[in-house]
Amino acid sequence: MAPMSHTPLTQDEAFEHHRAVTSVSGLSLCVYNNPGTTRFTFGVDLLELLSRLPTVRAIKISLPFDGDIATELAALRKRVDIAIGYSGDWGTADACLAGADAFYSVLGGTLPDPVLALARAAEAGNAGEATPDRRIPQSTVGDGDVITTSPNSDAARLQATMPVEIGATTALLVLTPACDLQRDGAPRILLLVGKIETIGASSWTYGEDARTAAIQLGADLRWGKWNLKHIDTISHEQLEKAFGDGDLVTAAACVKRMLSSCSNGCFQDLVAWASSRRCLRPFRLIRKSTMRDWMVSQPD
């Protein structure tokens, strides 16, 4: 159960919400800590109180930002005496290897056999067999990846491989859902076309276009501007050849909010549509203070 409300609840209000439900139902309850959706974060004190309610049996929480699942588990288990499980399929092996009591998988509904094998290997402490790349079929790219040309890209060869308008500053955002990428469910890969821009003290301003706040390209930090009216598709074979030739690379995106600042709301609708189909995966966050300090230090 998640603490859904029009405005974020206080810790006390969330406790009373759960207490009221458990007082009228004998069903076992799993507390769902999903701050990205609910705008509410369960504090450790609150989790301890909730764990004492008679029918609360488990907690489902997101993977820790720093990736240190073992430390978080150890801290929680000092205060909470119920099952602790994680969600976020990319962390299945890590969570199980760290000793989580459960893992709540989306991908398991699409690819149950490899995900179950991965989880069982991790539970047994077999880190080698629990490596995701050895258990789950992989595509050249993942949903939400940002693709750009490599520094040594051959423009003529790339144009012959995939007839998509792509230059040195072009960025392609993968919108095809993960399940279709991994099982070849879609004959072509859906791409949103945009442009990579240089970050400077005056170059980053909010506008009506859709933007990615920061994209790491090698040692450089850039930002992306997306053309919501420019959608392209390529085949899996074309993409694999372009990567195999060394003409394309995947950028590491570090964004506070993957795509933002579209005042007319059309892009929020696109993001909602894509998210409902597992098209957008979470990205690592970049602290606002880090971005501010970096920008102040740069020449105009």
C-alpha atoms as a PDB file:
ATOM      1  CA  MET A   1       0.000   0.000   0.000  1.00  0.00           C
ATOM      2  CA  ALA A   2       1.329   3.427  -0.942  1.00  0.00           C
ATOM      3  CA  PRO A   3       0.487   6.748   0.789  1.00  0.00           C
ATOM      4  CA  MET A   4      -1.351   8.369  -2.124  1.00  0.00           C
ATOM      5  CA  SER A   5      -2.831  11.809  -1.480  1.00  0.00           C
ATOM      6  CA  HIS A   6      -3.497  15.133  -3.204  1.00  0.00           C
ATOM      7  CA  THR A   7      -0.645  16.731  -1.255  1.00  0.00           C
ATOM      8  CA  PRO A   8       2.244  14.855   0.406  1.00  0.00           C
ATOM      9  CA  LEU A   9       1.394  13.461   3.832  1.00  0.00           C
ATOM     10  CA  THR A  10       3.334  14.057   7.023  1.00  0.00           C
ATOM     11  CA  GLN A  11       4.991  11.083   8.720  1.00  0.00           C
ATOM     12  CA  ASP A  12       2.231  11.061  11.375  1.00  0.00           C
ATOM     13  CA  GLU A  13      -0.510  11.179   8.744  1.00  0.00           C
ATOM     14  CA  ALA A  14       1.018   8.272   6.857  1.00  0.00           C
ATOM     15  CA  PHE A  15       1.149   6.228  10.060  1.00  0.00           C
ATOM     16  CA  GLU A  16      -2.507   6.946  10.822  1.00  0.00           C
ATOM     17  CA  HIS A  17      -3.423   6.066   7.238  1.00  0.00           C
ATOM     18  CA  HIS A  18      -1.812   2.634   7.542  1.00  0.00           C
ATOM     19  CA  ARG A  19      -3.067   2.085  11.078  1.00  0.00           C
ATOM     20  CA  ALA A  20      -6.640   2.773   9.955  1.00  0.00           C
ATOM     21  CA  VAL A  21      -6.369   0.218   7.151  1.00  0.00           C
ATOM     22  CA  THR A  22      -4.845  -2.488   9.346  1.00  0.00           C
ATOM     23  CA  SER A  23      -7.518  -1.936  12.006  1.00  0.00           C
ATOM     24  CA  VAL A  24     -10.320  -2.979   9.644  1.00  0.00           C
ATOM     25  CA  SER A  25      -8.580  -5.635   7.543  1.00  0.00           C
ATOM     26  CA  GLY A  26      -6.924  -8.889   8.480  1.00  0.00           C
ATOM     27  CA  LEU A  27      -5.038  -9.090   5.182  1.00  0.00           C
ATOM     28  CA  SER A  28      -1.247  -8.996   5.271  1.00  0.00           C
ATOM     29  CA  LEU A  29       0.078  -5.598   4.179  1.00  0.00           C
ATOM     30  CA  CYS A  30       3.263  -4.567   2.342  1.00  0.00           C
ATOM     31  CA  VAL A  31       4.329  -0.946   2.824  1.00  0.00           C
ATOM     32  CA  TYR A  32       5.328   0.597  -0.500  1.00  0.00           C
ATOM     33  CA  ASN A  33       7.996   3.302  -0.332  1.00  0.00           C
ATOM     34  CA  ASN A  34       8.020   4.892  -3.802  1.00  0.00           C
ATOM     35  CA  PRO A  35       8.857   8.605  -3.380  1.00  0.00           C
ATOM     36  CA  GLY A  36       9.244   9.169  -7.122  1.00  0.00           C
ATOM     37  CA  THR A  37       5.514   8.506  -7.587  1.00  0.00           C
ATOM     38  CA  THR A  38       3.950   9.468  -4.263  1.00  0.00           C
ATOM     39  CA  ARG A  39       6.216  12.413  -3.325  1.00  0.00           C
ATOM     40  CA  PHE A  40       6.448  10.857   0.130  1.00  0.00           C
ATOM     41  CA  THR A  41       9.459   9.162   1.750  1.00  0.00           C
ATOM     42  CA  PHE A  42       9.069   6.807   4.695  1.00  0.00           C
ATOM     43  CA  GLY A  43      11.512   7.715   7.435  1.00  0.00           C
ATOM     44  CA  VAL A  44      13.181   4.982   9.476  1.00  0.00           C
ATOM     45  CA  ASP A  45      11.218   6.011  12.578  1.00  0.00           C
ATOM     46  CA  LEU A  46       7.969   5.637  10.653  1.00  0.00           C
ATOM     47  CA  LEU A  47       8.984   2.255   9.230  1.00  0.00           C
ATOM     48  CA  GLU A  48       9.746   1.043  12.741  1.00  0.00           C
ATOM     49  CA  LEU A  49       6.290   2.111  13.954  1.00  0.00           C
ATOM     50  CA  LEU A  50       4.578   0.535  10.946  1.00  0.00           C
ATOM     51  CA  SER A  51       6.444  -2.738  11.438  1.00  0.00           C
ATOM     52  CA  ARG A  52       4.755  -3.044  14.851  1.00  0.00           C
ATOM     53  CA  LEU A  53       1.272  -2.989  13.357  1.00  0.00           C
ATOM     54  CA  PRO A  54      -0.147  -6.522  13.547  1.00  0.00           C
ATOM     55  CA  THR A  55      -0.765  -7.161   9.815  1.00  0.00           C
ATOM     56  CA  VAL A  56       2.182  -5.279   8.288  1.00  0.00           C
ATOM     57  CA  ARG A  57       4.448  -8.033   6.984  1.00  0.00           C
ATOM     58  CA  ALA A  58       6.835  -6.426   4.481  1.00  0.00           C
ATOM     59  CA  ILE A  59       8.328  -3.258   3.024  1.00  0.00           C
ATOM     60  CA  LYS A  60       8.953  -2.589  -0.667  1.00  0.00           C
ATOM     61  CA  ILE A  61      11.550   0.137  -1.210  1.00  0.00           C
ATOM     62  CA  SER A  62      13.497   1.617  -4.114  1.00  0.00           C
ATOM     63  CA  LEU A  63      17.177   0.855  -4.581  1.00  0.00           C
ATOM     64  CA  PRO A  64      19.444   3.244  -2.634  1.00  0.00           C
ATOM     65  CA  PHE A  65      20.903   6.082  -4.666  1.00  0.00           C
ATOM     66  CA  ASP A  66      24.483   5.275  -3.678  1.00  0.00           C
ATOM     67  CA  GLY A  67      24.000   1.594  -4.524  1.00  0.00           C
ATOM     68  CA  ASP A  68      25.043   0.417  -1.046  1.00  0.00           C
ATOM     69  CA  ILE A  69      22.199  -2.023  -0.407  1.00  0.00           C
ATOM     70  CA  ALA A  70      24.021  -4.011   2.288  1.00  0.00           C
ATOM     71  CA  THR A  71      24.584  -0.957   4.496  1.00  0.00           C
ATOM     72  CA  GLU A  72      20.964   0.159   4.126  1.00  0.00           C
ATOM     73  CA  LEU A  73      19.681  -3.323   4.944  1.00  0.00           C
ATOM     74  CA  ALA A  74      21.857  -3.540   8.046  1.00  0.00           C
ATOM     75  CA  ALA A  75      20.596  -0.169   9.295  1.00  0.00           C
ATOM     76  CA  LEU A  76      16.942  -1.028   8.653  1.00  0.00           C
ATOM     77  CA  ARG A  77      17.153  -4.445  10.290  1.00  0.00           C
ATOM     78  CA  LYS A  78      18.301  -2.849  13.519  1.00  0.00           C
ATOM     79  CA  ARG A  79      14.920  -1.100  13.657  1.00  0.00           C
ATOM     80  CA  VAL A  80      12.519  -3.131  11.522  1.00  0.00           C
ATOM     81  CA  ASP A  81      11.601  -6.774  12.071  1.00  0.00           C
ATOM     82  CA  ILE A  82       9.657  -7.539   8.887  1.00  0.00           C
ATOM     83  CA  ALA A  83      10.592  -8.626   5.346  1.00  0.00           C
ATOM     84  CA  ILE A  84      12.545  -5.980   3.398  1.00  0.00           C
ATOM     85  CA  GLY A  85      12.367  -6.110  -0.393  1.00  0.00           C
ATOM     86  CA  TYR A  86      13.564  -3.906  -3.248  1.00  0.00           C
ATOM     87  CA  SER A  87      12.292  -2.899  -6.679  1.00  0.00           C
ATOM     88  CA  GLY A  88      14.153  -1.780  -9.815  1.00  0.00           C
ATOM     89  CA  ASP A  89      15.003  -4.693 -12.123  1.00  0.00           C
ATOM     90  CA  TRP A  90      18.551  -3.548 -12.854  1.00  0.00           C
ATOM     91  CA  GLY A  91      19.326  -4.206  -9.164  1.00  0.00           C
ATOM     92  CA  THR A  92      17.819  -7.687  -8.872  1.00  0.00           C
ATOM     93  CA  ALA A  93      21.140  -9.510  -8.459  1.00  0.00           C
ATOM     94  CA  ASP A  94      22.696  -6.843  -6.227  1.00  0.00           C
ATOM     95  CA  ALA A  95      19.713  -6.787  -3.847  1.00  0.00           C
ATOM     96  CA  CYS A  96      19.510 -10.577  -3.576  1.00  0.00           C
ATOM     97  CA  LEU A  97      23.277 -10.924  -3.128  1.00  0.00           C
ATOM     98  CA  ALA A  98      23.128  -8.288  -0.365  1.00  0.00           C
ATOM     99  CA  GLY A  99      20.557 -10.404   1.488  1.00  0.00           C
ATOM    100  CA  ALA A 100      17.239  -8.713   0.738  1.00  0.00           C
ATOM    101  CA  ASP A 101      14.242 -10.797   1.817  1.00  0.00           C
ATOM    102  CA  ALA A 102      12.382 -10.197  -1.451  1.00  0.00           C
ATOM    103  CA  PHE A 103      12.616  -8.556  -4.847  1.00  0.00           C
ATOM    104  CA  TYR A 104       9.630  -7.025  -6.666  1.00  0.00           C
ATOM    105  CA  SER A 105      10.254  -7.426 -10.397  1.00  0.00           C
ATOM    106  CA  VAL A 106       8.529  -5.963 -13.441  1.00  0.00           C
ATOM    107  CA  LEU A 107      10.757  -7.785 -15.911  1.00  0.00           C
ATOM    108  CA  GLY A 108       9.943 -11.059 -14.172  1.00  0.00           C
ATOM    109  CA  GLY A 109       6.453 -10.884 -15.635  1.00  0.00           C
ATOM    110  CA  THR A 110       7.908 -10.687 -19.149  1.00  0.00           C
ATOM    111  CA  LEU A 111      10.944 -12.964 -18.828  1.00  0.00           C
ATOM    112  CA  PRO A 112      10.161 -15.143 -15.790  1.00  0.00           C
ATOM    113  CA  ASP A 113      12.659 -17.946 -16.432  1.00  0.00           C
ATOM    114  CA  PRO A 114      15.917 -15.937 -16.684  1.00  0.00           C
ATOM    115  CA  VAL A 115      14.874 -13.533 -13.906  1.00  0.00           C
ATOM    116  CA  LEU A 116      14.004 -16.416 -11.576  1.00  0.00           C
ATOM    117  CA  ALA A 117      17.300 -18.153 -12.388  1.00  0.00           C
ATOM    118  CA  LEU A 118      19.182 -14.916 -11.692  1.00  0.00           C
ATOM    119  CA  ALA A 119      17.379 -14.406  -8.368  1.00  0.00           C
ATOM    120  CA  ARG A 120      17.920 -18.012  -7.271  1.00  0.00           C
ATOM    121  CA  ALA A 121      21.642 -17.792  -8.082  1.00  0.00           C
ATOM    122  CA  ALA A 122      21.931 -14.549  -6.130  1.00  0.00           C
ATOM    123  CA  GLU A 123      20.071 -15.985  -3.146  1.00  0.00           C
ATOM    124  CA  ALA A 124      22.543 -18.872  -3.147  1.00  0.00           C
ATOM    125  CA  GLY A 125      25.434 -16.401  -3.131  1.00  0.00           C
ATOM    126  CA  ASN A 126      26.600 -17.337  -6.634  1.00  0.00           C
ATOM    127  CA  ALA A 127      27.670 -13.923  -7.885  1.00  0.00           C
ATOM    128  CA  GLY A 128      29.018 -15.277 -11.180  1.00  0.00           C
ATOM    129  CA  GLU A 129      25.744 -16.895 -12.207  1.00  0.00           C
ATOM    130  CA  ALA A 130      23.790 -13.880 -10.930  1.00  0.00           C
ATOM    131  CA  THR A 131      25.416 -11.474 -13.402  1.00  0.00           C
ATOM    132  CA  PRO A 132      22.469  -9.969 -15.331  1.00  0.00           C
ATOM    133  CA  ASP A 133      24.283 -10.035 -18.678  1.00  0.00           C
ATOM    134  CA  ARG A 134      24.569 -13.831 -18.417  1.00  0.00           C
ATOM    135  CA  ARG A 135      20.950 -14.411 -17.538  1.00  0.00           C
ATOM    136  CA  ILE A 136      18.794 -11.808 -19.297  1.00  0.00           C
ATOM    137  CA  PRO A 137      18.915 -11.373 -23.088  1.00  0.00           C
ATOM    138  CA  GLN A 138      20.389  -7.980 -23.905  1.00  0.00           C
ATOM    139  CA  SER A 139      19.824  -5.471 -26.679  1.00  0.00           C
ATOM    140  CA  THR A 140      22.547  -3.175 -27.994  1.00  0.00           C
ATOM    141  CA  VAL A 141      20.714  -0.327 -26.258  1.00  0.00           C
ATOM    142  CA  GLY A 142      18.240   0.027 -23.412  1.00  0.00           C
ATOM    143  CA  ASP A 143      15.064   2.035 -23.091  1.00  0.00           C
ATOM    144  CA  GLY A 144      15.939   5.619 -22.143  1.00  0.00           C
ATOM    145  CA  ASP A 145      19.488   5.422 -23.547  1.00  0.00           C
ATOM    146  CA  VAL A 146      20.866   8.519 -25.259  1.00  0.00           C
ATOM    147  CA  ILE A 147      22.789   7.659 -28.441  1.00  0.00           C
ATOM    148  CA  THR A 148      25.335   9.981 -30.088  1.00  0.00           C
ATOM    149  CA  THR A 149      28.025   9.684 -32.756  1.00  0.00           C
ATOM    150  CA  SER A 150      31.474   8.595 -31.592  1.00  0.00           C
ATOM    151  CA  PRO A 151      34.514  10.886 -31.965  1.00  0.00           C
ATOM    152  CA  ASN A 152      35.839   8.618 -34.735  1.00  0.00           C
ATOM    153  CA  SER A 153      32.534   8.198 -36.553  1.00  0.00           C
ATOM    154  CA  ASP A 154      32.599   7.843 -40.328  1.00  0.00           C
ATOM    155  CA  ALA A 155      29.714  10.041 -41.534  1.00  0.00           C
ATOM    156  CA  ALA A 156      29.384   8.396 -44.961  1.00  0.00           C
ATOM    157  CA  ARG A 157      29.443   4.882 -43.545  1.00  0.00           C
ATOM    158  CA  LEU A 158      26.950   5.769 -40.829  1.00  0.00           C
ATOM    159  CA  GLN A 159      24.558   7.338 -43.338  1.00  0.00           C
ATOM    160  CA  ALA A 160      24.765   4.200 -45.478  1.00  0.00           C
ATOM    161  CA  THR A 161      24.099   1.980 -42.460  1.00  0.00           C
ATOM    162  CA  MET A 162      21.095   3.834 -41.078  1.00  0.00           C
ATOM    163  CA  PRO A 163      19.211   6.476 -43.084  1.00  0.00           C
ATOM    164  CA  VAL A 164      18.563   8.750 -40.101  1.00  0.00           C
ATOM    165  CA  GLU A 165      19.565  12.399 -39.912  1.00  0.00           C
ATOM    166  CA  ILE A 166      22.443  12.265 -37.447  1.00  0.00           C
ATOM    167  CA  GLY A 167      25.439  14.558 -37.143  1.00  0.00           C
ATOM    168  CA  ALA A 168      28.106  15.422 -34.598  1.00  0.00           C
ATOM    169  CA  THR A 169      25.630  17.192 -32.289  1.00  0.00           C
ATOM    170  CA  THR A 170      22.628  14.901 -32.847  1.00  0.00           C
ATOM    171  CA  ALA A 171      21.228  12.833 -29.972  1.00  0.00           C
ATOM    172  CA  LEU A 172      18.791   9.931 -30.248  1.00  0.00           C
ATOM    173  CA  LEU A 173      16.645   8.932 -27.260  1.00  0.00           C
ATOM    174  CA  VAL A 174      15.478   5.289 -27.239  1.00  0.00           C
ATOM    175  CA  LEU A 175      11.726   5.079 -26.546  1.00  0.00           C
ATOM    176  CA  THR A 176      11.103   1.399 -27.309  1.00  0.00           C
ATOM    177  CA  PRO A 177      10.096  -0.477 -24.107  1.00  0.00           C
ATOM    178  CA  ALA A 178      12.691  -2.717 -22.450  1.00  0.00           C
ATOM    179  CA  CYS A 179      10.586  -5.851 -22.889  1.00  0.00           C
ATOM    180  CA  ASP A 180      10.450  -5.361 -26.671  1.00  0.00           C
ATOM    181  CA  LEU A 181      14.166  -4.596 -26.886  1.00  0.00           C
ATOM    182  CA  GLN A 182      15.113  -7.716 -24.942  1.00  0.00           C
ATOM    183  CA  ARG A 183      12.864 -10.180 -26.730  1.00  0.00           C
ATOM    184  CA  ASP A 184      12.927  -8.530 -30.178  1.00  0.00           C
ATOM    185  CA  GLY A 185       9.217  -7.839 -29.814  1.00  0.00           C
ATOM    186  CA  ALA A 186       9.400  -4.689 -31.950  1.00  0.00           C
ATOM    187  CA  PRO A 187      10.752  -4.947 -35.506  1.00  0.00           C
ATOM    188  CA  ARG A 188      12.143  -1.397 -35.322  1.00  0.00           C
ATOM    189  CA  ILE A 189      13.512   0.792 -32.526  1.00  0.00           C
ATOM    190  CA  LEU A 190      11.640   4.037 -31.805  1.00  0.00           C
ATOM    191  CA  LEU A 191      13.889   7.109 -31.440  1.00  0.00           C
ATOM    192  CA  LEU A 192      13.243  10.697 -30.372  1.00  0.00           C
ATOM    193  CA  VAL A 193      15.679  13.005 -32.181  1.00  0.00           C
ATOM    194  CA  GLY A 194      17.368  15.906 -30.433  1.00  0.00           C
ATOM    195  CA  LYS A 195      20.528  17.964 -30.225  1.00  0.00           C
ATOM    196  CA  ILE A 196      23.428  18.056 -27.763  1.00  0.00           C
ATOM    197  CA  GLU A 197      24.258  21.543 -26.473  1.00  0.00           C
ATOM    198  CA  THR A 198      27.204  22.919 -24.485  1.00  0.00           C
ATOM    199  CA  ILE A 199      26.463  23.906 -20.891  1.00  0.00           C
ATOM    200  CA  GLY A 200      27.438  27.442 -19.968  1.00  0.00           C
ATOM    201  CA  ALA A 201      26.398  30.131 -17.516  1.00  0.00           C
ATOM    202  CA  SER A 202      24.033  31.677 -20.057  1.00  0.00           C
ATOM    203  CA  SER A 203      23.317  28.809 -22.448  1.00  0.00           C
ATOM    204  CA  TRP A 204      21.020  26.893 -20.092  1.00  0.00           C
ATOM    205  CA  THR A 205      17.655  28.635 -19.849  1.00  0.00           C
ATOM    206  CA  TYR A 206      14.197  27.168 -19.444  1.00  0.00           C
ATOM    207  CA  GLY A 207      12.136  27.309 -22.596  1.00  0.00           C
ATOM    208  CA  GLU A 208       9.113  25.700 -24.191  1.00  0.00           C
ATOM    209  CA  ASP A 209      11.133  22.843 -25.649  1.00  0.00           C
ATOM    210  CA  ALA A 210      11.779  19.530 -23.882  1.00  0.00           C
ATOM    211  CA  ARG A 211      15.216  19.152 -22.345  1.00  0.00           C
ATOM    212  CA  THR A 212      17.520  16.762 -20.530  1.00  0.00           C
ATOM    213  CA  ALA A 213      19.303  18.752 -17.855  1.00  0.00           C
ATOM    214  CA  ALA A 214      22.702  17.054 -18.112  1.00  0.00           C
ATOM    215  CA  ILE A 215      24.264  14.332 -20.271  1.00  0.00           C
ATOM    216  CA  GLN A 216      27.768  13.008 -19.637  1.00  0.00           C
ATOM    217  CA  LEU A 217      29.700  12.619 -22.897  1.00  0.00           C
ATOM    218  CA  GLY A 218      33.123  11.276 -22.012  1.00  0.00           C
ATOM    219  CA  ALA A 219      34.670  13.950 -19.783  1.00  0.00           C
ATOM    220  CA  ASP A 220      32.225  16.641 -20.948  1.00  0.00           C
ATOM    221  CA  LEU A 221      28.914  17.573 -19.370  1.00  0.00           C
ATOM    222  CA  ARG A 222      26.304  18.692 -21.925  1.00  0.00           C
ATOM    223  CA  TRP A 223      22.542  19.119 -22.091  1.00  0.00           C
ATOM    224  CA  GLY A 224      20.031  17.884 -24.629  1.00  0.00           C
ATOM    225  CA  LYS A 225      17.226  19.623 -26.504  1.00  0.00           C
ATOM    226  CA  TRP A 226      14.532  17.295 -27.925  1.00  0.00           C
ATOM    227  CA  ASN A 227      12.412  17.866 -31.009  1.00  0.00           C
ATOM    228  CA  LEU A 228       9.016  16.444 -30.061  1.00  0.00           C
ATOM    229  CA  LYS A 229       7.927  16.435 -33.705  1.00  0.00           C
ATOM    230  CA  HIS A 230      10.948  14.454 -34.917  1.00  0.00           C
ATOM    231  CA  ILE A 231      10.510  10.733 -34.322  1.00  0.00           C
ATOM    232  CA  ASP A 232      12.545   8.174 -36.283  1.00  0.00           C
ATOM    233  CA  THR A 233      12.891   4.386 -36.358  1.00  0.00           C
ATOM    234  CA  ILE A 234      15.723   2.009 -37.246  1.00  0.00           C
ATOM    235  CA  SER A 235      16.029  -1.763 -37.340  1.00  0.00           C
ATOM    236  CA  HIS A 236      17.942  -3.772 -34.745  1.00  0.00           C
ATOM    237  CA  GLU A 237      20.368  -4.873 -37.457  1.00  0.00           C
ATOM    238  CA  GLN A 238      21.118  -1.276 -38.506  1.00  0.00           C
ATOM    239  CA  LEU A 239      21.762  -0.212 -34.930  1.00  0.00           C
ATOM    240  CA  GLU A 240      23.993  -3.202 -34.171  1.00  0.00           C
ATOM    241  CA  LYS A 241      26.088  -2.538 -37.288  1.00  0.00           C
ATOM    242  CA  ALA A 242      26.488   1.166 -36.439  1.00  0.00           C
ATOM    243  CA  PHE A 243      27.679   0.253 -32.941  1.00  0.00           C
ATOM    244  CA  GLY A 244      29.855  -2.544 -34.304  1.00  0.00           C
ATOM    245  CA  ASP A 245      31.525  -0.132 -36.744  1.00  0.00           C
ATOM    246  CA  GLY A 246      32.244   2.252 -33.862  1.00  0.00           C
ATOM    247  CA  ASP A 247      30.116   5.027 -35.352  1.00  0.00           C
ATOM    248  CA  LEU A 248      27.674   5.296 -32.418  1.00  0.00           C
ATOM    249  CA  VAL A 249      28.082   5.340 -28.645  1.00  0.00           C
ATOM    250  CA  THR A 250      25.687   5.437 -25.698  1.00  0.00           C
ATOM    251  CA  ALA A 251      25.947   8.530 -23.526  1.00  0.00           C
ATOM    252  CA  ALA A 252      25.714   8.289 -19.731  1.00  0.00           C
ATOM    253  CA  ALA A 253      22.804  10.506 -18.746  1.00  0.00           C
ATOM    254  CA  CYS A 254      22.838  12.200 -15.330  1.00  0.00           C
ATOM    255  CA  VAL A 255      19.556  14.037 -14.954  1.00  0.00           C
ATOM    256  CA  LYS A 256      17.484  15.429 -12.125  1.00  0.00           C
ATOM    257  CA  ARG A 257      14.380  14.952 -14.248  1.00  0.00           C
ATOM    258  CA  MET A 258      14.877  13.110 -17.487  1.00  0.00           C
ATOM    259  CA  LEU A 259      12.887  15.465 -19.673  1.00  0.00           C
ATOM    260  CA  SER A 260      11.424  18.723 -18.450  1.00  0.00           C
ATOM    261  CA  SER A 261      10.209  22.230 -19.126  1.00  0.00           C
ATOM    262  CA  CYS A 262       7.531  21.901 -21.761  1.00  0.00           C
ATOM    263  CA  SER A 263       4.961  24.548 -20.853  1.00  0.00           C
ATOM    264  CA  ASN A 264       2.194  23.358 -23.162  1.00  0.00           C
ATOM    265  CA  GLY A 265       2.093  19.956 -21.473  1.00  0.00           C
ATOM    266  CA  CYS A 266       2.451  17.855 -24.608  1.00  0.00           C
ATOM    267  CA  PHE A 267       5.731  16.358 -23.551  1.00  0.00           C
ATOM    268  CA  GLN A 268       4.464  15.501 -20.067  1.00  0.00           C
ATOM    269  CA  ASP A 269       1.827  13.469 -21.891  1.00  0.00           C
ATOM    270  CA  LEU A 270       4.557  11.746 -23.904  1.00  0.00           C
ATOM    271  CA  VAL A 271       6.546  10.954 -20.742  1.00  0.00           C
ATOM    272  CA  ALA A 272       3.405   9.599 -19.035  1.00  0.00           C
ATOM    273  CA  TRP A 273       2.654   7.452 -22.063  1.00  0.00           C
ATOM    274  CA  ALA A 274       6.223   6.190 -22.250  1.00  0.00           C
ATOM    275  CA  SER A 275       6.479   5.526 -18.517  1.00  0.00           C
ATOM    276  CA  SER A 276       3.253   3.517 -18.529  1.00  0.00           C
ATOM    277  CA  ARG A 277       4.867   1.269 -21.128  1.00  0.00           C
ATOM    278  CA  ARG A 278       8.213   1.019 -19.333  1.00  0.00           C
ATOM    279  CA  CYS A 279       9.857   3.190 -21.972  1.00  0.00           C
ATOM    280  CA  LEU A 280      11.798   5.412 -19.605  1.00  0.00           C
ATOM    281  CA  ARG A 281      14.111   3.971 -17.005  1.00  0.00           C
ATOM    282  CA  PRO A 282      15.451   5.880 -13.966  1.00  0.00           C
ATOM    283  CA  PHE A 283      18.719   7.719 -14.356  1.00  0.00           C
ATOM    284  CA  ARG A 284      21.324   8.664 -11.792  1.00  0.00           C
ATOM    285  CA  LEU A 285      20.571  12.024 -10.193  1.00  0.00           C
ATOM    286  CA  ILE A 286      22.826  15.045 -10.270  1.00  0.00           C
ATOM    287  CA  ARG A 287      22.659  17.312  -7.239  1.00  0.00           C
ATOM    288  CA  LYS A 288      21.431  20.841  -7.931  1.00  0.00           C
ATOM    289  CA  SER A 289      24.299  22.313  -5.941  1.00  0.00           C
ATOM    290  CA  THR A 290      26.811  20.410  -8.079  1.00  0.00           C
ATOM    291  CA  MET A 291      25.240  21.735 -11.280  1.00  0.00           C
ATOM    292  CA  ARG A 292      25.070  25.300  -9.894  1.00  0.00           C
ATOM    293  CA  ASP A 293      28.694  25.311  -8.719  1.00  0.00           C
ATOM    294  CA  TRP A 294      29.862  23.845 -12.034  1.00  0.00           C
ATOM    295  CA  MET A 295      28.006  26.455 -14.074  1.00  0.00           C
ATOM    296  CA  VAL A 296      29.253  29.360 -11.973  1.00  0.00           C
ATOM    297  CA  SER A 297      32.822  28.201 -12.529  1.00  0.00           C
ATOM    298  CA  GLN A 298      32.484  28.142 -16.321  1.00  0.00           C
ATOM    299  CA  PRO A 299      33.262  31.097 -18.607  1.00  0.00           C
ATOM    300  CA  ASP A 300      30.281  32.540 -20.449  1.00  0.00           C
END
